[in-house]
N, C-alpha and C. Protein backbone atom coordinates (compact mmCIF):
# COMPACT_ATOMS: atom_id res chain seq x y z
N MET A 1 -9.18 -138.92 -25.88
CA MET A 1 -10.70 -139.48 -25.43
C MET A 1 -11.44 -139.97 -26.21
N LEU A 2 -10.96 -140.67 -27.02
CA LEU A 2 -11.59 -141.18 -27.87
C LEU A 2 -12.53 -142.67 -27.00
N PRO A 3 -14.20 -142.51 -27.19
CA PRO A 3 -14.94 -141.99 -28.49
C PRO A 3 -15.65 -141.15 -28.38
N THR A 4 -15.50 -140.14 -27.14
CA THR A 4 -16.13 -138.68 -26.67
C THR A 4 -15.78 -137.88 -27.81
N LEU A 5 -14.28 -137.80 -27.88
CA LEU A 5 -13.99 -136.64 -28.68
C LEU A 5 -13.48 -137.18 -30.25
N ASN A 6 -13.62 -136.37 -31.47
CA ASN A 6 -13.36 -137.36 -32.65
C ASN A 6 -12.02 -136.86 -32.76
N ALA A 7 -11.37 -137.78 -33.37
CA ALA A 7 -9.99 -138.00 -33.88
C ALA A 7 -9.85 -137.02 -34.34
N ALA A 8 -10.26 -136.61 -35.61
CA ALA A 8 -10.18 -135.96 -36.70
C ALA A 8 -10.34 -134.20 -35.88
N GLY A 9 -10.68 -134.55 -34.77
CA GLY A 9 -10.55 -132.86 -33.75
C GLY A 9 -11.97 -132.37 -33.48
N ASP A 10 -12.27 -132.12 -32.48
CA ASP A 10 -13.38 -131.43 -32.45
C ASP A 10 -13.08 -130.10 -31.73
N VAL A 11 -14.27 -128.93 -32.09
CA VAL A 11 -13.66 -127.56 -31.34
C VAL A 11 -14.44 -127.38 -30.26
N LEU A 12 -13.92 -127.07 -29.16
CA LEU A 12 -14.68 -127.59 -27.42
C LEU A 12 -14.50 -125.78 -27.13
N LEU A 13 -15.33 -125.43 -26.28
CA LEU A 13 -15.23 -124.21 -25.80
C LEU A 13 -15.18 -124.38 -24.00
N THR A 14 -14.34 -123.74 -23.88
CA THR A 14 -13.73 -124.21 -22.09
C THR A 14 -14.15 -122.94 -21.11
N ASP A 15 -14.63 -123.23 -20.23
CA ASP A 15 -14.65 -122.05 -19.00
C ASP A 15 -13.56 -121.86 -18.21
N PRO A 16 -13.03 -120.99 -18.27
CA PRO A 16 -11.71 -120.99 -17.13
C PRO A 16 -12.16 -120.63 -15.90
N LEU A 17 -13.14 -120.03 -15.59
CA LEU A 17 -13.23 -119.45 -14.72
C LEU A 17 -13.66 -120.46 -13.04
N SER A 18 -14.28 -121.83 -13.41
CA SER A 18 -14.67 -122.92 -13.07
C SER A 18 -13.82 -123.73 -12.38
N PRO A 19 -12.74 -123.82 -12.38
CA PRO A 19 -11.59 -124.18 -11.54
C PRO A 19 -11.16 -123.42 -10.70
N ARG A 20 -11.10 -122.33 -10.94
CA ARG A 20 -10.97 -120.84 -9.74
C ARG A 20 -11.62 -121.01 -8.87
N LEU A 21 -12.82 -121.18 -9.24
CA LEU A 21 -14.16 -121.43 -8.41
C LEU A 21 -14.77 -122.59 -7.82
N GLY A 22 -13.86 -123.52 -7.81
CA GLY A 22 -13.80 -124.76 -7.20
C GLY A 22 -15.34 -125.66 -7.98
N ASN A 23 -15.39 -124.96 -8.85
CA ASN A 23 -16.91 -125.72 -9.47
C ASN A 23 -16.73 -126.87 -10.56
N ILE A 24 -15.79 -127.64 -10.41
CA ILE A 24 -15.39 -128.70 -11.42
C ILE A 24 -15.91 -130.07 -10.55
N GLY A 25 -16.60 -130.66 -11.38
CA GLY A 25 -17.42 -132.24 -10.03
C GLY A 25 -17.25 -133.80 -11.24
N HIS A 26 -17.61 -134.16 -10.48
CA HIS A 26 -17.50 -136.05 -11.18
C HIS A 26 -18.08 -135.68 -12.79
N GLY A 27 -17.40 -136.53 -13.78
CA GLY A 27 -18.20 -136.02 -15.13
C GLY A 27 -17.80 -135.46 -15.87
N ASP A 28 -17.00 -134.07 -15.31
CA ASP A 28 -16.88 -133.42 -16.34
C ASP A 28 -15.30 -133.27 -17.01
N LEU A 29 -15.48 -132.85 -18.27
CA LEU A 29 -14.34 -132.58 -19.35
C LEU A 29 -13.76 -131.29 -18.69
N VAL A 30 -12.28 -131.56 -18.85
CA VAL A 30 -11.22 -130.29 -18.15
C VAL A 30 -10.14 -130.61 -19.12
N LEU A 31 -10.08 -129.18 -19.64
CA LEU A 31 -8.29 -129.03 -20.07
C LEU A 31 -7.36 -128.27 -18.98
N LEU A 32 -6.30 -129.47 -19.01
CA LEU A 32 -5.27 -129.08 -17.99
C LEU A 32 -3.88 -129.37 -18.55
N ARG A 33 -2.99 -129.03 -18.10
CA ARG A 33 -1.65 -129.14 -18.17
C ARG A 33 -1.08 -130.38 -17.68
N SER A 34 -0.65 -131.07 -18.58
CA SER A 34 0.12 -132.21 -18.28
C SER A 34 1.21 -132.27 -16.75
N PRO A 35 1.05 -133.28 -15.63
CA PRO A 35 2.03 -133.04 -14.33
C PRO A 35 3.12 -133.27 -14.61
N LEU A 36 3.21 -134.04 -16.03
CA LEU A 36 4.90 -134.74 -16.25
C LEU A 36 5.60 -133.78 -17.44
N ASN A 37 4.65 -133.42 -18.04
CA ASN A 37 5.59 -132.39 -19.27
C ASN A 37 4.36 -131.13 -18.91
N PRO A 38 4.74 -129.33 -18.48
CA PRO A 38 3.95 -128.63 -18.69
C PRO A 38 3.78 -128.14 -20.07
N LYS A 39 4.54 -128.42 -20.93
CA LYS A 39 4.10 -128.01 -22.58
C LYS A 39 3.06 -128.63 -23.17
N ILE A 40 2.60 -129.85 -22.73
CA ILE A 40 1.44 -130.74 -23.23
C ILE A 40 0.15 -130.22 -22.46
N ARG A 41 -1.03 -130.14 -23.05
CA ARG A 41 -2.51 -129.70 -22.73
C ARG A 41 -3.06 -131.12 -22.83
N LEU A 42 -3.58 -131.63 -22.01
CA LEU A 42 -4.60 -132.77 -21.65
C LEU A 42 -6.05 -132.38 -21.75
N MET A 43 -6.80 -133.55 -22.35
CA MET A 43 -8.24 -133.39 -22.13
C MET A 43 -8.72 -134.52 -21.72
N LYS A 44 -9.04 -134.86 -20.08
CA LYS A 44 -9.82 -135.65 -19.40
C LYS A 44 -10.64 -135.58 -18.59
N ARG A 45 -11.34 -136.65 -18.35
CA ARG A 45 -12.46 -136.71 -17.26
C ARG A 45 -12.31 -136.54 -16.04
N VAL A 46 -13.05 -135.93 -14.75
CA VAL A 46 -12.76 -136.05 -13.95
C VAL A 46 -13.68 -137.17 -12.80
N GLU A 47 -12.94 -137.72 -12.16
CA GLU A 47 -13.62 -138.87 -11.43
C GLU A 47 -14.17 -138.52 -9.99
N GLY A 48 -14.38 -138.81 -9.07
CA GLY A 48 -14.74 -138.75 -7.78
C GLY A 48 -13.86 -138.22 -6.75
N ASP A 49 -14.29 -138.36 -5.26
CA ASP A 49 -13.09 -138.33 -4.15
C ASP A 49 -12.49 -139.64 -3.85
N ASN A 50 -13.54 -140.42 -3.93
CA ASN A 50 -12.89 -142.15 -3.70
C ASN A 50 -12.86 -142.65 -4.84
N VAL A 51 -12.05 -143.06 -5.31
CA VAL A 51 -11.46 -143.87 -6.50
C VAL A 51 -11.12 -145.03 -6.84
N THR A 52 -12.38 -145.80 -7.17
CA THR A 52 -11.52 -147.66 -7.17
C THR A 52 -11.73 -147.56 -8.78
N TYR A 53 -10.16 -148.18 -8.94
CA TYR A 53 -9.64 -147.89 -10.17
C TYR A 53 -8.86 -149.35 -11.27
N PHE A 54 -8.74 -149.62 -12.08
CA PHE A 54 -8.19 -150.65 -12.80
C PHE A 54 -6.55 -150.07 -13.49
N ASP A 55 -5.78 -150.63 -13.07
CA ASP A 55 -4.48 -150.32 -13.88
C ASP A 55 -4.26 -151.49 -15.09
N ALA A 56 -5.23 -151.56 -16.35
CA ALA A 56 -5.36 -151.96 -16.99
C ALA A 56 -4.07 -153.03 -17.49
N LEU A 57 -2.68 -152.39 -17.76
CA LEU A 57 -1.70 -152.48 -18.02
C LEU A 57 -0.84 -153.49 -17.51
N HIS A 58 -1.05 -152.94 -15.83
CA HIS A 58 -0.38 -153.68 -15.00
C HIS A 58 -0.68 -154.42 -13.89
N SER A 59 -1.86 -154.49 -13.68
CA SER A 59 -2.28 -155.31 -12.58
C SER A 59 -4.14 -155.70 -13.04
N LYS A 60 -4.65 -156.79 -12.51
CA LYS A 60 -5.95 -156.65 -12.78
C LYS A 60 -6.75 -156.59 -11.12
N ALA A 61 -5.80 -156.45 -10.69
CA ALA A 61 -6.60 -155.89 -9.10
C ALA A 61 -7.19 -154.86 -8.72
N ALA A 62 -8.03 -154.77 -8.25
CA ALA A 62 -8.54 -153.27 -8.34
C ALA A 62 -7.90 -152.45 -7.00
N GLN A 63 -7.94 -150.89 -7.40
CA GLN A 63 -6.66 -150.04 -6.41
C GLN A 63 -7.83 -149.03 -6.05
N VAL A 64 -7.65 -148.69 -4.55
CA VAL A 64 -8.26 -147.56 -4.20
C VAL A 64 -7.43 -146.11 -4.18
N ALA A 65 -8.27 -145.20 -4.31
CA ALA A 65 -7.45 -143.80 -4.10
C ALA A 65 -8.18 -143.16 -3.81
N VAL A 66 -7.64 -142.31 -2.24
CA VAL A 66 -8.19 -140.81 -1.97
C VAL A 66 -7.62 -139.47 -2.48
N VAL A 67 -8.46 -138.56 -3.25
CA VAL A 67 -7.92 -137.76 -3.43
C VAL A 67 -8.11 -136.78 -2.46
N PRO A 68 -6.84 -135.85 -1.92
CA PRO A 68 -6.79 -134.84 -1.35
C PRO A 68 -7.25 -133.61 -1.98
N LYS A 69 -7.59 -132.77 -1.05
CA LYS A 69 -8.66 -131.62 -1.21
C LYS A 69 -7.79 -130.53 -2.56
N ARG A 70 -8.14 -129.93 -3.20
CA ARG A 70 -7.80 -129.18 -4.04
C ARG A 70 -6.84 -130.12 -5.01
N HIS A 71 -7.52 -130.86 -5.21
CA HIS A 71 -6.92 -132.10 -6.33
C HIS A 71 -8.15 -132.78 -7.04
N VAL A 72 -8.13 -133.50 -8.16
CA VAL A 72 -8.69 -133.83 -9.32
C VAL A 72 -8.05 -135.39 -9.63
N TRP A 73 -9.11 -136.52 -9.68
CA TRP A 73 -8.69 -138.03 -10.43
C TRP A 73 -9.11 -137.77 -11.50
N ILE A 74 -8.43 -137.63 -12.69
CA ILE A 74 -8.62 -137.57 -14.13
C ILE A 74 -8.23 -139.05 -14.79
N GLN A 75 -9.16 -139.00 -15.63
CA GLN A 75 -9.27 -140.26 -16.52
C GLN A 75 -9.67 -140.01 -17.70
N GLY A 76 -8.89 -140.84 -19.22
CA GLY A 76 -9.47 -140.76 -20.43
C GLY A 76 -10.28 -142.15 -20.19
N ASP A 77 -11.31 -141.37 -21.73
CA ASP A 77 -12.70 -142.41 -21.55
C ASP A 77 -11.87 -143.62 -22.18
N ASN A 78 -10.59 -143.62 -22.89
CA ASN A 78 -9.98 -145.41 -23.45
C ASN A 78 -9.01 -145.65 -22.38
N ILE A 79 -9.49 -146.81 -21.54
CA ILE A 79 -9.07 -146.95 -20.26
C ILE A 79 -7.52 -147.68 -21.02
N TYR A 80 -7.21 -148.43 -22.20
CA TYR A 80 -6.16 -148.80 -22.75
C TYR A 80 -5.14 -147.87 -23.01
N ALA A 81 -5.69 -146.90 -23.64
CA ALA A 81 -4.36 -145.71 -24.14
C ALA A 81 -4.31 -144.60 -23.37
N SER A 82 -5.01 -144.38 -22.52
CA SER A 82 -4.61 -143.34 -21.92
C SER A 82 -3.54 -142.71 -20.63
N ARG A 83 -3.10 -141.77 -20.95
CA ARG A 83 -2.13 -141.50 -19.53
C ARG A 83 -2.78 -140.71 -18.80
N ASP A 84 -3.08 -141.11 -17.73
CA ASP A 84 -3.86 -140.41 -16.28
C ASP A 84 -3.70 -140.60 -14.87
N SER A 85 -4.56 -140.12 -14.21
CA SER A 85 -4.63 -140.25 -12.79
C SER A 85 -3.94 -141.84 -12.08
N ARG A 86 -4.41 -142.74 -13.16
CA ARG A 86 -3.61 -143.75 -13.08
C ARG A 86 -2.30 -144.27 -12.80
N HIS A 87 -1.13 -143.17 -13.62
CA HIS A 87 -0.46 -143.31 -13.81
C HIS A 87 0.15 -142.67 -13.15
N PHE A 88 -0.06 -140.56 -12.94
CA PHE A 88 0.88 -140.08 -12.33
C PHE A 88 0.16 -139.18 -11.22
N GLY A 89 -1.11 -140.14 -10.33
CA GLY A 89 -1.72 -139.56 -9.45
C GLY A 89 -2.76 -138.61 -9.28
N PRO A 90 -3.16 -137.65 -7.96
CA PRO A 90 -3.82 -136.90 -8.23
C PRO A 90 -3.49 -135.73 -8.76
N VAL A 91 -4.49 -134.78 -9.31
CA VAL A 91 -3.99 -133.87 -9.83
C VAL A 91 -4.39 -132.42 -9.25
N PRO A 92 -3.33 -131.42 -9.39
CA PRO A 92 -3.93 -130.36 -8.65
C PRO A 92 -4.42 -129.33 -9.36
N TYR A 93 -5.37 -128.66 -8.48
CA TYR A 93 -6.66 -127.49 -9.51
C TYR A 93 -5.96 -126.86 -10.07
N GLY A 94 -4.44 -126.34 -9.23
CA GLY A 94 -3.67 -125.68 -10.63
C GLY A 94 -3.08 -125.66 -12.01
N LEU A 95 -3.25 -126.77 -12.05
CA LEU A 95 -2.88 -127.36 -13.48
C LEU A 95 -4.12 -127.31 -14.63
N ILE A 96 -5.36 -127.42 -13.81
CA ILE A 96 -6.85 -127.32 -14.56
C ILE A 96 -7.20 -125.75 -15.16
N GLU A 97 -7.22 -125.79 -16.47
CA GLU A 97 -7.19 -124.26 -17.34
C GLU A 97 -8.61 -123.96 -17.80
N GLY A 98 -9.34 -125.07 -17.50
CA GLY A 98 -10.46 -124.77 -18.01
C GLY A 98 -11.74 -126.13 -18.44
N LYS A 99 -13.21 -125.60 -17.60
CA LYS A 99 -14.00 -127.06 -18.10
C LYS A 99 -14.43 -126.82 -19.37
N VAL A 100 -14.82 -128.20 -19.95
CA VAL A 100 -15.54 -127.90 -21.15
C VAL A 100 -17.13 -127.84 -20.84
N PHE A 101 -17.33 -126.91 -21.79
CA PHE A 101 -18.84 -126.64 -21.49
C PHE A 101 -19.97 -126.70 -23.00
N PHE A 102 -18.92 -126.20 -23.99
CA PHE A 102 -19.90 -126.24 -25.49
C PHE A 102 -19.21 -127.17 -26.43
N ARG A 103 -19.35 -127.49 -27.49
CA ARG A 103 -19.28 -127.92 -28.42
C ARG A 103 -19.63 -127.44 -29.69
N VAL A 104 -18.54 -127.29 -30.30
CA VAL A 104 -18.66 -125.68 -31.77
C VAL A 104 -18.37 -127.02 -32.91
N TRP A 105 -17.76 -127.91 -33.26
CA TRP A 105 -17.79 -128.63 -34.32
C TRP A 105 -17.37 -129.93 -34.08
N PRO A 106 -18.19 -131.10 -34.73
CA PRO A 106 -18.27 -130.66 -35.82
C PRO A 106 -20.21 -130.22 -35.62
N PRO A 107 -20.45 -130.08 -37.05
CA PRO A 107 -22.04 -129.43 -36.77
C PRO A 107 -23.21 -130.35 -36.15
N ASP A 108 -22.84 -131.63 -36.05
CA ASP A 108 -23.70 -132.95 -36.14
C ASP A 108 -23.54 -132.93 -34.50
N SER A 109 -22.56 -132.28 -33.95
CA SER A 109 -22.26 -132.43 -32.30
C SER A 109 -22.24 -131.42 -31.32
N PHE A 110 -23.03 -130.27 -32.15
CA PHE A 110 -23.20 -128.53 -31.74
C PHE A 110 -24.06 -129.12 -30.80
N GLY A 111 -23.43 -128.08 -29.43
CA GLY A 111 -24.24 -127.93 -28.24
C GLY A 111 -23.63 -127.87 -27.08
N LEU A 112 -24.14 -127.96 -25.68
CA LEU A 112 -23.78 -127.83 -24.41
C LEU A 112 -23.12 -129.46 -24.78
N ASP A 113 -21.98 -129.52 -23.81
CA ASP A 113 -21.69 -130.78 -23.63
C ASP A 113 -21.88 -131.65 -22.51
N GLN A 114 -22.16 -133.08 -22.26
CA GLN A 114 -22.51 -133.55 -21.80
C GLN A 114 -21.53 -134.74 -21.03
């Protein structure tokens, strides 16, 4: 999630109820289990319901994806180094563990996450 999150590590608080209540929207950062390996947790940004995206590594043509109900399209902020929905498709809400709402560390970034 570079440059949004620091490589040295940020301490974030997540809200586990928002995904259960369907309160996840475009632009939110979410903590989720990887659809490819449930032992791995990911931090990604939620995109919209109809997504136009570029797979920068495999194609220069734009592709369109329609996200089914109870699924989200997630993408990392670093398009060239992120494994996300461009690789494994829409993610079911059940894999989302929480919505990031507050940054605790580092001190200069303390506050509500945007």
